[in-house]
N, C-alpha and C. Protein backbone atom coordinates (compact mmCIF):
# COMPACT_ATOMS: atom_id res chain seq x y z
N UNK A 1 0.82 -1.19 0.00
CA UNK A 1 0.00 0.00 0.00
C UNK A 1 0.86 1.25 0.00
N UNK A 2 1.95 1.20 0.77
CA UNK A 2 2.85 2.33 0.87
C UNK A 2 3.49 2.63 -0.48
N UNK A 3 3.80 1.61 -1.25
CA UNK A 3 4.41 1.76 -2.56
C UNK A 3 3.48 2.53 -3.51
N UNK A 4 2.19 2.24 -3.43
CA UNK A 4 1.20 2.92 -4.27
C UNK A 4 1.14 4.41 -3.92
N UNK A 5 1.22 4.72 -2.63
CA UNK A 5 1.20 6.12 -2.21
C UNK A 5 2.43 6.87 -2.73
N UNK A 6 3.56 6.21 -2.81
CA UNK A 6 4.77 6.85 -3.34
C UNK A 6 4.69 7.01 -4.86
N UNK A 7 4.05 6.04 -5.54
CA UNK A 7 3.94 6.08 -6.99
C UNK A 7 2.86 7.05 -7.48
N UNK A 8 1.87 7.32 -6.66
CA UNK A 8 0.75 8.16 -7.05
C UNK A 8 1.19 9.56 -7.53
N UNK A 9 2.03 10.28 -6.81
CA UNK A 9 2.47 11.60 -7.31
C UNK A 9 3.23 11.49 -8.64
N UNK A 10 4.03 10.45 -8.79
CA UNK A 10 4.78 10.26 -10.04
C UNK A 10 3.81 10.01 -11.20
N UNK A 11 2.80 9.17 -10.99
CA UNK A 11 1.82 8.89 -12.03
C UNK A 11 1.02 10.14 -12.40
N UNK A 12 0.64 10.92 -11.40
CA UNK A 12 -0.07 12.18 -11.68
C UNK A 12 0.83 13.12 -12.48
N UNK A 13 2.08 13.24 -12.09
CA UNK A 13 3.02 14.11 -12.80
C UNK A 13 3.19 13.66 -14.25
N UNK A 14 3.35 12.38 -14.48
CA UNK A 14 3.50 11.84 -15.85
C UNK A 14 2.24 12.12 -16.66
N UNK A 15 1.06 11.91 -16.07
CA UNK A 15 -0.20 12.17 -16.76
C UNK A 15 -0.35 13.63 -17.15
N UNK A 16 -0.03 14.53 -16.24
CA UNK A 16 -0.12 15.96 -16.53
C UNK A 16 0.90 16.38 -17.59
N UNK A 17 2.08 15.79 -17.55
CA UNK A 17 3.10 16.08 -18.56
C UNK A 17 2.64 15.67 -19.95
N UNK A 18 2.04 14.50 -20.06
CA UNK A 18 1.52 14.03 -21.35
C UNK A 18 0.45 15.00 -21.87
N UNK A 19 -0.48 15.41 -21.01
CA UNK A 19 -1.53 16.35 -21.42
C UNK A 19 -0.93 17.69 -21.85
N UNK A 20 0.06 18.18 -21.11
CA UNK A 20 0.71 19.44 -21.44
C UNK A 20 1.41 19.36 -22.80
N UNK A 21 2.14 18.28 -23.04
CA UNK A 21 2.85 18.12 -24.31
C UNK A 21 1.87 17.99 -25.48
N UNK A 22 0.76 17.32 -25.28
CA UNK A 22 -0.26 17.23 -26.32
C UNK A 22 -0.82 18.61 -26.63
N UNK A 23 -1.06 19.40 -25.60
CA UNK A 23 -1.58 20.76 -25.78
C UNK A 23 -0.64 21.66 -26.57
N UNK A 24 0.65 21.43 -26.43
CA UNK A 24 1.62 22.24 -27.17
C UNK A 24 1.57 21.97 -28.67
N UNK A 25 1.08 20.82 -29.09
CA UNK A 25 1.01 20.50 -30.51
C UNK A 25 -0.28 20.99 -31.17
N UNK A 26 -1.22 21.51 -30.39
CA UNK A 26 -2.52 21.93 -30.94
C UNK A 26 -2.47 23.39 -31.37
N UNK A 27 -3.25 23.73 -32.42
CA UNK A 27 -3.35 25.09 -32.91
C UNK A 27 -4.44 25.81 -32.12
N UNK A 28 -4.11 26.86 -31.36
CA UNK A 28 -5.12 27.52 -30.53
C UNK A 28 -6.17 28.25 -31.35
N UNK A 29 -5.91 28.49 -32.65
CA UNK A 29 -6.90 29.16 -33.50
C UNK A 29 -7.97 28.19 -34.00
N UNK A 30 -7.73 26.89 -33.89
CA UNK A 30 -8.71 25.92 -34.33
C UNK A 30 -9.66 25.60 -33.18
N UNK A 31 -10.89 26.01 -33.37
CA UNK A 31 -11.91 25.74 -32.37
C UNK A 31 -12.82 24.67 -32.94
N UNK A 32 -12.86 23.51 -32.33
CA UNK A 32 -13.70 22.45 -32.88
C UNK A 32 -15.17 22.84 -32.84
N UNK A 33 -15.92 22.35 -33.80
CA UNK A 33 -17.34 22.61 -33.84
C UNK A 33 -18.08 21.28 -33.82
N UNK A 34 -19.07 21.20 -32.95
CA UNK A 34 -19.87 19.98 -32.89
C UNK A 34 -20.81 19.89 -34.08
N UNK A 35 -20.91 20.96 -34.87
CA UNK A 35 -21.82 20.97 -36.02
C UNK A 35 -21.20 20.41 -37.30
N UNK A 36 -19.91 20.12 -37.28
CA UNK A 36 -19.28 19.56 -38.47
C UNK A 36 -19.99 18.24 -38.80
N UNK A 37 -20.32 18.09 -40.09
CA UNK A 37 -21.04 16.93 -40.61
C UNK A 37 -22.49 16.85 -40.13
N UNK A 38 -23.03 17.97 -39.73
CA UNK A 38 -24.45 18.05 -39.35
C UNK A 38 -25.13 19.13 -40.19
N UNK A 39 -26.46 19.04 -40.33
CA UNK A 39 -27.18 20.06 -41.11
C UNK A 39 -27.05 21.44 -40.47
N UNK A 40 -27.11 22.47 -41.32
CA UNK A 40 -27.11 23.83 -40.78
C UNK A 40 -28.31 23.99 -39.86
N UNK A 41 -28.17 24.79 -38.83
CA UNK A 41 -29.30 25.00 -37.92
C UNK A 41 -30.50 25.61 -38.66
N UNK A 42 -31.68 25.29 -38.21
CA UNK A 42 -32.89 25.88 -38.79
C UNK A 42 -32.90 27.37 -38.51
N UNK A 43 -33.12 28.14 -39.58
CA UNK A 43 -33.18 29.59 -39.44
C UNK A 43 -33.98 30.16 -40.60
N UNK A 44 -34.54 31.32 -40.37
CA UNK A 44 -35.23 32.09 -41.41
C UNK A 44 -35.01 33.56 -41.04
N UNK A 45 -33.88 34.11 -41.50
CA UNK A 45 -33.48 35.45 -41.11
C UNK A 45 -34.00 36.49 -42.10
N UNK A 46 -34.47 37.59 -41.55
CA UNK A 46 -34.98 38.69 -42.37
C UNK A 46 -33.83 39.33 -43.15
N UNK A 47 -34.14 39.89 -44.32
CA UNK A 47 -33.10 40.58 -45.09
C UNK A 47 -32.73 41.92 -44.45
N UNK A 48 -31.57 42.42 -44.82
CA UNK A 48 -31.19 43.76 -44.39
C UNK A 48 -32.00 44.78 -45.18
N UNK A 49 -32.24 45.94 -44.61
CA UNK A 49 -32.98 46.98 -45.33
C UNK A 49 -32.31 47.32 -46.67
N UNK A 50 -33.14 47.47 -47.70
CA UNK A 50 -32.64 47.86 -49.01
C UNK A 50 -32.19 46.71 -49.88
N UNK A 51 -32.27 45.49 -49.41
CA UNK A 51 -31.81 44.35 -50.20
C UNK A 51 -32.94 43.60 -50.87
N UNK A 52 -34.17 43.86 -50.55
CA UNK A 52 -35.28 43.14 -51.14
C UNK A 52 -35.74 42.01 -50.24
N UNK A 53 -37.04 41.76 -50.25
CA UNK A 53 -37.64 40.79 -49.34
C UNK A 53 -37.12 39.37 -49.54
N UNK A 54 -36.71 39.03 -50.76
CA UNK A 54 -36.27 37.66 -51.04
C UNK A 54 -34.78 37.44 -50.76
N UNK A 55 -34.11 38.43 -50.23
CA UNK A 55 -32.66 38.30 -50.05
C UNK A 55 -32.24 37.94 -48.63
N UNK A 56 -33.20 37.62 -47.75
CA UNK A 56 -32.85 37.15 -46.41
C UNK A 56 -32.20 35.77 -46.51
N UNK A 57 -31.92 35.16 -45.40
CA UNK A 57 -31.22 33.88 -45.41
C UNK A 57 -31.99 32.86 -44.58
N UNK A 58 -32.28 31.72 -45.21
CA UNK A 58 -32.95 30.61 -44.52
C UNK A 58 -32.14 29.35 -44.75
N UNK A 59 -32.35 28.37 -43.90
CA UNK A 59 -31.64 27.09 -44.02
C UNK A 59 -31.80 26.48 -45.41
N UNK A 60 -32.98 26.58 -45.98
CA UNK A 60 -33.26 25.99 -47.30
C UNK A 60 -32.42 26.64 -48.40
N UNK A 61 -31.99 27.89 -48.19
CA UNK A 61 -31.17 28.59 -49.19
C UNK A 61 -29.78 27.99 -49.31
N UNK A 62 -29.39 27.18 -48.34
CA UNK A 62 -28.04 26.64 -48.32
C UNK A 62 -27.98 25.23 -48.90
N UNK A 63 -28.98 24.86 -49.66
CA UNK A 63 -29.00 23.56 -50.31
C UNK A 63 -28.91 23.74 -51.82
N UNK A 64 -28.30 22.77 -52.47
CA UNK A 64 -28.23 22.78 -53.93
C UNK A 64 -26.85 23.09 -54.48
N UNK A 65 -26.04 23.82 -53.71
CA UNK A 65 -24.70 24.18 -54.16
C UNK A 65 -23.80 24.39 -52.96
N UNK A 66 -22.55 24.00 -53.09
CA UNK A 66 -21.57 24.27 -52.02
C UNK A 66 -21.49 25.78 -51.85
N UNK A 67 -21.50 26.24 -50.60
CA UNK A 67 -21.46 27.67 -50.34
C UNK A 67 -20.70 27.97 -49.06
N UNK A 68 -20.45 29.25 -48.86
CA UNK A 68 -19.80 29.74 -47.64
C UNK A 68 -20.79 30.63 -46.91
N UNK A 69 -20.91 30.43 -45.60
CA UNK A 69 -21.71 31.30 -44.75
C UNK A 69 -20.71 32.07 -43.89
N UNK A 70 -20.76 33.40 -44.00
CA UNK A 70 -19.82 34.27 -43.30
C UNK A 70 -20.57 35.08 -42.25
N UNK A 71 -20.09 35.00 -41.01
CA UNK A 71 -20.69 35.76 -39.90
C UNK A 71 -19.88 37.05 -39.76
N UNK A 72 -20.57 38.18 -39.80
CA UNK A 72 -19.89 39.47 -39.70
C UNK A 72 -20.77 40.44 -38.92
N UNK A 73 -20.25 41.61 -38.64
CA UNK A 73 -21.02 42.68 -38.01
C UNK A 73 -20.35 44.01 -38.31
N UNK A 74 -21.14 45.07 -38.33
CA UNK A 74 -20.59 46.39 -38.62
C UNK A 74 -19.64 46.85 -37.51
N UNK A 75 -19.74 46.26 -36.34
CA UNK A 75 -18.92 46.59 -35.19
C UNK A 75 -17.59 45.82 -35.18
N UNK A 76 -17.43 44.89 -36.11
CA UNK A 76 -16.31 43.94 -36.11
C UNK A 76 -15.10 44.51 -36.86
N UNK A 77 -14.02 44.76 -36.14
CA UNK A 77 -12.81 45.32 -36.75
C UNK A 77 -12.15 44.32 -37.69
N UNK A 78 -12.08 43.06 -37.30
CA UNK A 78 -11.45 42.05 -38.16
C UNK A 78 -12.25 41.82 -39.44
N UNK A 79 -13.55 42.12 -39.41
CA UNK A 79 -14.38 41.97 -40.62
C UNK A 79 -13.95 42.96 -41.69
N UNK A 80 -13.47 44.12 -41.29
CA UNK A 80 -12.97 45.11 -42.26
C UNK A 80 -11.72 44.56 -42.93
N UNK A 81 -10.86 43.89 -42.17
CA UNK A 81 -9.65 43.28 -42.71
C UNK A 81 -10.01 42.17 -43.71
N UNK A 82 -11.02 41.40 -43.43
CA UNK A 82 -11.42 40.27 -44.26
C UNK A 82 -12.16 40.70 -45.52
N UNK A 83 -12.83 41.82 -45.48
CA UNK A 83 -13.78 42.21 -46.51
C UNK A 83 -13.21 42.30 -47.93
N UNK A 84 -12.02 42.85 -48.15
CA UNK A 84 -11.48 42.87 -49.52
C UNK A 84 -11.33 41.47 -50.12
N UNK A 85 -10.99 40.51 -49.29
CA UNK A 85 -10.88 39.13 -49.78
C UNK A 85 -12.25 38.62 -50.22
N UNK A 86 -13.29 38.89 -49.42
CA UNK A 86 -14.63 38.45 -49.79
C UNK A 86 -15.09 39.12 -51.09
N UNK A 87 -14.76 40.40 -51.25
CA UNK A 87 -15.14 41.10 -52.48
C UNK A 87 -14.42 40.49 -53.69
N UNK A 88 -13.16 40.12 -53.52
CA UNK A 88 -12.41 39.48 -54.62
C UNK A 88 -13.01 38.11 -54.95
N UNK A 89 -13.42 37.37 -53.93
CA UNK A 89 -14.04 36.07 -54.16
C UNK A 89 -15.36 36.22 -54.92
N UNK A 90 -16.11 37.24 -54.57
CA UNK A 90 -17.38 37.48 -55.28
C UNK A 90 -17.10 37.78 -56.75
N UNK A 91 -16.10 38.60 -57.01
CA UNK A 91 -15.81 38.98 -58.41
C UNK A 91 -15.35 37.77 -59.23
N UNK A 92 -14.69 36.81 -58.59
CA UNK A 92 -14.26 35.61 -59.30
C UNK A 92 -15.38 34.58 -59.42
N UNK A 93 -16.39 34.68 -58.58
CA UNK A 93 -17.54 33.77 -58.65
C UNK A 93 -17.21 32.32 -58.36
N UNK A 94 -16.21 32.09 -57.50
CA UNK A 94 -15.80 30.71 -57.20
C UNK A 94 -16.84 29.93 -56.39
N UNK A 95 -17.55 30.64 -55.54
CA UNK A 95 -18.51 29.98 -54.65
C UNK A 95 -19.49 31.05 -54.15
N UNK A 96 -20.76 30.70 -53.97
CA UNK A 96 -21.68 31.67 -53.39
C UNK A 96 -21.31 31.95 -51.93
N UNK A 97 -21.35 33.21 -51.57
CA UNK A 97 -21.07 33.62 -50.19
C UNK A 97 -22.36 34.23 -49.64
N UNK A 98 -22.78 33.71 -48.50
CA UNK A 98 -23.96 34.22 -47.81
C UNK A 98 -23.50 34.81 -46.48
N UNK A 99 -24.18 35.85 -46.03
CA UNK A 99 -23.78 36.51 -44.80
C UNK A 99 -24.84 36.46 -43.72
N UNK A 100 -24.36 36.47 -42.50
CA UNK A 100 -25.23 36.65 -41.34
C UNK A 100 -24.69 37.87 -40.59
N UNK A 101 -25.50 38.93 -40.58
CA UNK A 101 -25.14 40.17 -39.88
C UNK A 101 -25.48 39.97 -38.41
N UNK A 102 -24.46 39.67 -37.62
CA UNK A 102 -24.62 39.18 -36.25
C UNK A 102 -24.59 40.31 -35.22
N UNK A 103 -25.57 40.27 -34.32
CA UNK A 103 -25.65 41.18 -33.17
C UNK A 103 -25.51 42.64 -33.59
N UNK A 104 -26.26 42.97 -34.63
CA UNK A 104 -26.12 44.28 -35.25
C UNK A 104 -27.50 44.87 -35.48
N UNK A 105 -27.58 46.18 -35.47
CA UNK A 105 -28.79 46.86 -35.90
C UNK A 105 -28.87 46.68 -37.42
N UNK A 106 -29.99 46.22 -37.96
CA UNK A 106 -30.08 45.99 -39.41
C UNK A 106 -29.71 47.20 -40.26
N UNK A 107 -30.07 48.38 -39.81
CA UNK A 107 -29.73 49.60 -40.56
C UNK A 107 -28.21 49.80 -40.61
N UNK A 108 -27.54 49.54 -39.49
CA UNK A 108 -26.08 49.69 -39.46
C UNK A 108 -25.41 48.62 -40.33
N UNK A 109 -25.94 47.39 -40.31
CA UNK A 109 -25.40 46.33 -41.15
C UNK A 109 -25.53 46.67 -42.62
N UNK A 110 -26.68 47.22 -43.02
CA UNK A 110 -26.90 47.61 -44.41
C UNK A 110 -25.98 48.77 -44.80
N UNK A 111 -25.82 49.75 -43.90
CA UNK A 111 -24.93 50.89 -44.19
C UNK A 111 -23.48 50.43 -44.32
N UNK A 112 -23.09 49.46 -43.51
CA UNK A 112 -21.72 48.95 -43.57
C UNK A 112 -21.45 48.30 -44.92
N UNK A 113 -22.41 47.50 -45.42
CA UNK A 113 -22.25 46.88 -46.73
C UNK A 113 -22.26 47.91 -47.85
N UNK A 114 -23.05 48.95 -47.70
CA UNK A 114 -23.08 50.00 -48.71
C UNK A 114 -21.73 50.73 -48.77
N UNK A 115 -21.13 50.93 -47.62
CA UNK A 115 -19.84 51.63 -47.54
C UNK A 115 -18.70 50.76 -48.06
N UNK A 116 -18.66 49.48 -47.68
CA UNK A 116 -17.52 48.61 -47.99
C UNK A 116 -17.72 47.72 -49.20
N UNK A 117 -18.95 47.60 -49.68
CA UNK A 117 -19.26 46.69 -50.78
C UNK A 117 -19.97 45.46 -50.25
N UNK A 118 -20.78 44.85 -51.12
CA UNK A 118 -21.60 43.72 -50.70
C UNK A 118 -21.18 42.45 -51.44
N UNK A 119 -20.46 41.55 -50.77
CA UNK A 119 -20.01 40.32 -51.42
C UNK A 119 -21.02 39.17 -51.35
N UNK A 120 -22.16 39.41 -50.70
CA UNK A 120 -23.07 38.32 -50.37
C UNK A 120 -24.20 38.15 -51.39
N UNK A 121 -24.54 36.89 -51.66
CA UNK A 121 -25.74 36.62 -52.45
C UNK A 121 -26.98 36.87 -51.60
N UNK A 122 -26.93 36.40 -50.38
CA UNK A 122 -28.02 36.59 -49.43
C UNK A 122 -27.41 37.01 -48.10
N UNK A 123 -28.14 37.86 -47.38
CA UNK A 123 -27.71 38.28 -46.05
C UNK A 123 -28.92 38.25 -45.13
N UNK A 124 -28.75 37.58 -44.00
CA UNK A 124 -29.79 37.56 -42.99
C UNK A 124 -29.38 38.40 -41.80
N UNK A 125 -30.34 39.10 -41.25
CA UNK A 125 -30.10 39.92 -40.06
C UNK A 125 -30.33 39.07 -38.82
N UNK A 126 -29.34 39.02 -37.95
CA UNK A 126 -29.40 38.25 -36.71
C UNK A 126 -29.08 39.19 -35.55
N UNK A 127 -30.03 40.10 -35.22
CA UNK A 127 -29.75 41.09 -34.18
C UNK A 127 -29.57 40.45 -32.81
N UNK A 128 -29.01 41.24 -31.88
CA UNK A 128 -28.76 40.75 -30.53
C UNK A 128 -30.02 40.12 -29.96
N UNK A 129 -29.93 38.99 -29.32
CA UNK A 129 -28.73 38.30 -28.88
C UNK A 129 -28.08 37.41 -29.94
N UNK A 130 -28.58 37.38 -31.14
CA UNK A 130 -27.93 36.62 -32.21
C UNK A 130 -28.19 35.13 -32.14
N UNK A 131 -29.45 34.76 -32.13
CA UNK A 131 -29.84 33.36 -31.96
C UNK A 131 -29.29 32.43 -33.04
N UNK A 132 -29.35 32.86 -34.32
CA UNK A 132 -28.88 31.99 -35.41
C UNK A 132 -27.38 31.73 -35.28
N UNK A 133 -26.61 32.78 -35.01
CA UNK A 133 -25.16 32.60 -34.87
C UNK A 133 -24.84 31.70 -33.68
N UNK A 134 -25.59 31.85 -32.60
CA UNK A 134 -25.39 30.99 -31.44
C UNK A 134 -25.67 29.53 -31.83
N UNK A 135 -26.72 29.32 -32.64
CA UNK A 135 -27.03 27.96 -33.09
C UNK A 135 -25.91 27.38 -33.96
N UNK A 136 -25.18 28.24 -34.66
CA UNK A 136 -24.03 27.81 -35.46
C UNK A 136 -22.81 27.55 -34.57
N UNK A 137 -22.86 27.98 -33.32
CA UNK A 137 -21.72 27.81 -32.42
C UNK A 137 -20.68 28.89 -32.56
N UNK A 138 -21.09 30.06 -33.02
CA UNK A 138 -20.17 31.17 -33.24
C UNK A 138 -19.67 31.70 -31.90
N UNK A 139 -18.37 31.94 -31.84
CA UNK A 139 -17.77 32.51 -30.63
C UNK A 139 -17.33 33.95 -30.83
N UNK A 140 -17.26 34.41 -32.07
CA UNK A 140 -16.87 35.78 -32.38
C UNK A 140 -16.91 35.96 -33.88
N UNK A 141 -16.80 37.20 -34.29
CA UNK A 141 -16.81 37.49 -35.73
C UNK A 141 -15.42 37.95 -36.14
N UNK A 142 -15.01 37.66 -37.34
CA UNK A 142 -15.70 36.86 -38.34
C UNK A 142 -15.44 35.36 -38.15
N UNK A 143 -16.44 34.60 -38.51
CA UNK A 143 -16.32 33.15 -38.62
C UNK A 143 -17.03 32.75 -39.90
N UNK A 144 -16.54 31.70 -40.53
CA UNK A 144 -17.13 31.24 -41.79
C UNK A 144 -17.30 29.73 -41.77
N UNK A 145 -18.31 29.28 -42.48
CA UNK A 145 -18.63 27.87 -42.55
C UNK A 145 -18.75 27.46 -44.01
N UNK A 146 -18.17 26.32 -44.35
CA UNK A 146 -18.38 25.74 -45.67
C UNK A 146 -19.53 24.76 -45.53
N UNK A 147 -20.54 24.94 -46.39
CA UNK A 147 -21.74 24.12 -46.36
C UNK A 147 -21.83 23.37 -47.69
N UNK A 148 -22.03 22.05 -47.63
CA UNK A 148 -22.10 21.29 -48.88
C UNK A 148 -23.47 21.45 -49.54
N UNK A 149 -23.65 20.83 -50.71
CA UNK A 149 -24.89 21.02 -51.48
C UNK A 149 -26.13 20.43 -50.81
N UNK A 150 -25.92 19.62 -49.78
CA UNK A 150 -27.05 19.04 -49.03
C UNK A 150 -27.38 19.84 -47.77
N UNK A 151 -26.70 20.97 -47.59
CA UNK A 151 -26.95 21.79 -46.41
C UNK A 151 -26.26 21.28 -45.16
N UNK A 152 -25.16 20.53 -45.33
CA UNK A 152 -24.40 19.97 -44.21
C UNK A 152 -23.14 20.81 -44.00
N UNK A 153 -22.88 21.21 -42.77
CA UNK A 153 -21.67 21.97 -42.45
C UNK A 153 -20.48 21.03 -42.54
N UNK A 154 -19.47 21.42 -43.33
CA UNK A 154 -18.29 20.56 -43.52
C UNK A 154 -17.02 21.15 -42.93
N UNK A 155 -17.00 22.48 -42.71
CA UNK A 155 -15.77 23.09 -42.19
C UNK A 155 -16.12 24.41 -41.51
N UNK A 156 -15.39 24.72 -40.44
CA UNK A 156 -15.54 25.98 -39.74
C UNK A 156 -14.20 26.70 -39.74
N UNK A 157 -14.22 27.95 -40.17
CA UNK A 157 -13.01 28.78 -40.18
C UNK A 157 -13.21 29.93 -39.21
N UNK A 158 -12.32 30.06 -38.24
CA UNK A 158 -12.39 31.11 -37.25
C UNK A 158 -11.41 32.21 -37.63
N UNK A 159 -11.89 33.44 -37.64
CA UNK A 159 -11.04 34.58 -37.96
C UNK A 159 -11.23 35.02 -39.41
N UNK A 160 -10.51 36.06 -39.80
CA UNK A 160 -10.67 36.59 -41.15
C UNK A 160 -10.20 35.60 -42.22
N UNK A 161 -10.93 35.56 -43.32
CA UNK A 161 -10.48 34.81 -44.49
C UNK A 161 -9.45 35.70 -45.19
N UNK A 162 -8.28 35.13 -45.44
CA UNK A 162 -7.22 35.85 -46.16
C UNK A 162 -7.00 35.15 -47.49
N UNK A 163 -6.35 35.81 -48.44
CA UNK A 163 -6.05 35.11 -49.69
C UNK A 163 -5.27 33.83 -49.46
N UNK A 164 -4.37 33.84 -48.50
CA UNK A 164 -3.54 32.67 -48.23
C UNK A 164 -4.37 31.50 -47.68
N UNK A 165 -5.17 31.73 -46.63
CA UNK A 165 -5.94 30.59 -46.09
C UNK A 165 -7.09 30.20 -47.03
N UNK A 166 -7.53 31.11 -47.88
CA UNK A 166 -8.51 30.73 -48.90
C UNK A 166 -7.89 29.74 -49.88
N UNK A 167 -6.73 30.09 -50.38
CA UNK A 167 -6.05 29.26 -51.39
C UNK A 167 -5.58 27.93 -50.82
N UNK A 168 -5.03 27.94 -49.61
CA UNK A 168 -4.43 26.74 -49.05
C UNK A 168 -5.42 25.81 -48.33
N UNK A 169 -6.47 26.37 -47.76
CA UNK A 169 -7.36 25.55 -46.94
C UNK A 169 -8.79 25.51 -47.46
N UNK A 170 -9.42 26.66 -47.57
CA UNK A 170 -10.85 26.69 -47.87
C UNK A 170 -11.18 26.25 -49.29
N UNK A 171 -10.49 26.78 -50.28
CA UNK A 171 -10.79 26.43 -51.66
C UNK A 171 -10.58 24.94 -51.96
N UNK A 172 -9.50 24.30 -51.46
CA UNK A 172 -9.39 22.86 -51.68
C UNK A 172 -10.56 22.06 -51.08
N UNK A 173 -11.05 22.47 -49.93
CA UNK A 173 -12.20 21.79 -49.33
C UNK A 173 -13.42 21.97 -50.21
N UNK A 174 -13.64 23.18 -50.69
CA UNK A 174 -14.78 23.46 -51.55
C UNK A 174 -14.69 22.66 -52.84
N UNK A 175 -13.52 22.62 -53.46
CA UNK A 175 -13.34 21.86 -54.71
C UNK A 175 -13.62 20.37 -54.50
N UNK A 176 -13.19 19.85 -53.38
CA UNK A 176 -13.43 18.43 -53.09
C UNK A 176 -14.93 18.17 -52.90
N UNK A 177 -15.63 19.09 -52.24
CA UNK A 177 -17.06 18.92 -52.03
C UNK A 177 -17.86 19.08 -53.33
N UNK A 178 -17.32 19.82 -54.27
CA UNK A 178 -18.01 20.03 -55.54
C UNK A 178 -17.92 18.83 -56.48
N UNK A 179 -17.03 17.90 -56.18
CA UNK A 179 -16.87 16.72 -57.05
C UNK A 179 -18.08 15.82 -57.00
């Protein structure tokens, strides 16, 4: 019994060391999502002012073609950094991009798109507390999701989309899903 008491601190130390070393190999920017390989959450978001009644975003709109759902807000500083990349993607027409204006006044969200340009095919307003974004598991803006043609979430990207991570990570996933 005494031997076990002496070994117990050593075993705890070894266990904690293994966990610590495993943690050092993980990317802190990768936040796992329980929604990967699951259908997009049910939603029917109203359009932003000035976009037309049919331009809101609903779950059914995310079926039929691989697409990207981008969570943004007029209050989001990193969204300004990401926006030129989204505009370039729209001009190339590689994939439909849909937006969710999260925790924002719809008027401010519409004004922000008017000022910076509108890369989205559809945009849904998700004002505070932002129920749709919460259902997606969003922890902050910007976040983006790749959705396959069946409306299943296949990838979650946290942070701004840059030309580099678009080319190296997101576009290859989209191309594979389009096959």
